[in-house]
Amino acid sequence: MKFSCSLAERFIDFYACFLQPPGNIKYAALVIGGSFIIEGAFLVVATGAVRKGAAAEGMKVRDYVWGGHDPTSVAVVTEVIVVCSPLVV
């Protein structure tokens, strides 16, 4: 069984559906806005945890982050910032 189109053409056809404008822009804006609100709330909570950890250590937030005292909370803050950045753009 031989296909009449190349792998590149099938790849382009597969991803062409993602390049189409959304059918209802209001739903797209609602989803993006909801994502921004939820991720923004995560950012507030994660930033508060980092600030609380820095205060418990008696350090500035910058020194706490760069010192690597709690890499888990710093990683969460970084991840949420990365997720929120494209939503702002």
Protein backbone atom coordinates (compact mmCIF):
# COMPACT_ATOMS: atom_id res chain seq x y z
CA MET A 1 0.00 0.00 0.00
CA LYS A 2 1.54 3.27 -1.10
CA PHE A 3 0.41 6.74 -0.04
CA SER A 4 0.10 9.38 -2.68
CA CYS A 5 1.39 12.23 -0.53
CA SER A 6 4.69 12.61 1.24
CA LEU A 7 5.23 12.67 4.98
CA ALA A 8 5.77 16.43 4.87
CA GLU A 9 2.43 16.97 3.15
CA ARG A 10 0.65 14.83 5.73
CA PHE A 11 2.36 16.78 8.50
CA ILE A 12 1.22 20.09 6.99
CA ASP A 13 -2.33 18.80 6.50
CA PHE A 14 -2.46 17.55 10.09
CA TYR A 15 -1.36 20.86 11.59
CA ALA A 16 -3.36 23.02 9.16
CA CYS A 17 -6.42 22.62 11.40
CA PHE A 18 -4.51 24.32 14.23
CA LEU A 19 -3.69 27.32 12.05
CA GLN A 20 -7.33 28.15 11.38
CA PRO A 21 -8.93 31.01 13.30
CA PRO A 22 -11.25 29.88 16.09
CA GLY A 23 -14.89 29.49 15.19
CA ASN A 24 -16.05 31.72 18.01
CA ILE A 25 -13.49 34.25 19.24
CA LYS A 26 -15.52 34.91 22.39
CA TYR A 27 -14.94 31.35 23.62
CA ALA A 28 -11.25 31.61 22.83
CA ALA A 29 -10.99 34.86 24.79
CA LEU A 30 -12.94 33.29 27.66
CA VAL A 31 -10.54 30.34 27.84
CA ILE A 32 -7.44 32.55 27.68
CA GLY A 33 -8.88 34.94 30.28
CA GLY A 34 -9.80 32.07 32.59
CA SER A 35 -6.31 30.61 32.24
CA PHE A 36 -4.79 33.97 33.08
CA ILE A 37 -6.93 34.32 36.21
CA ILE A 38 -6.17 30.80 37.45
CA GLU A 39 -2.44 31.00 36.72
CA GLY A 40 -2.35 34.50 38.23
CA ALA A 41 -3.83 33.09 41.44
CA PHE A 42 -1.16 30.39 41.45
CA LEU A 43 1.48 33.08 41.00
CA VAL A 44 0.18 35.04 43.99
CA VAL A 45 0.16 31.93 46.20
CA ALA A 46 3.61 30.76 45.08
CA THR A 47 5.14 34.21 45.48
CA GLY A 48 3.63 34.45 48.96
CA ALA A 49 5.19 31.10 49.88
CA VAL A 50 8.62 32.29 48.71
CA ARG A 51 8.24 35.55 50.64
CA LYS A 52 7.15 33.66 53.76
CA GLY A 53 10.14 31.32 53.44
CA ALA A 54 12.51 34.25 53.04
CA ALA A 55 11.02 35.96 56.09
CA ALA A 56 11.38 32.77 58.13
CA GLU A 57 15.07 32.61 57.21
CA GLY A 58 15.50 36.33 57.89
CA MET A 59 16.65 37.00 54.33
CA LYS A 60 15.66 39.21 51.43
CA VAL A 61 13.62 37.47 48.76
CA ARG A 62 16.38 37.91 46.18
CA ASP A 63 18.99 36.33 48.45
CA TYR A 64 16.57 33.52 49.34
CA VAL A 65 15.91 32.72 45.67
CA TRP A 66 19.53 32.92 44.53
CA GLY A 67 20.79 31.08 47.61
CA GLY A 68 18.75 27.99 46.75
CA HIS A 69 17.23 27.53 50.21
CA ASP A 70 13.94 26.12 48.87
CA PRO A 71 14.35 25.09 45.23
CA THR A 72 10.84 23.61 45.02
CA SER A 73 8.98 26.85 45.67
CA VAL A 74 11.36 28.79 43.45
CA ALA A 75 10.75 26.26 40.66
CA VAL A 76 6.99 26.66 41.06
CA VAL A 77 7.23 30.46 40.86
CA THR A 78 9.42 30.20 37.77
CA GLU A 79 7.02 27.75 36.11
CA VAL A 80 4.00 29.96 36.79
CA ILE A 81 5.81 33.02 35.42
CA VAL A 82 6.63 31.08 32.26
CA VAL A 83 3.01 30.02 31.91
CA CYS A 84 1.61 33.53 32.50
CA SER A 85 4.01 35.33 30.17
CA PRO A 86 2.43 34.17 26.87
CA LEU A 87 -1.04 34.89 28.22
CA VAL A 88 -0.08 38.53 28.76
CA VAL A 89 1.29 38.83 25.24
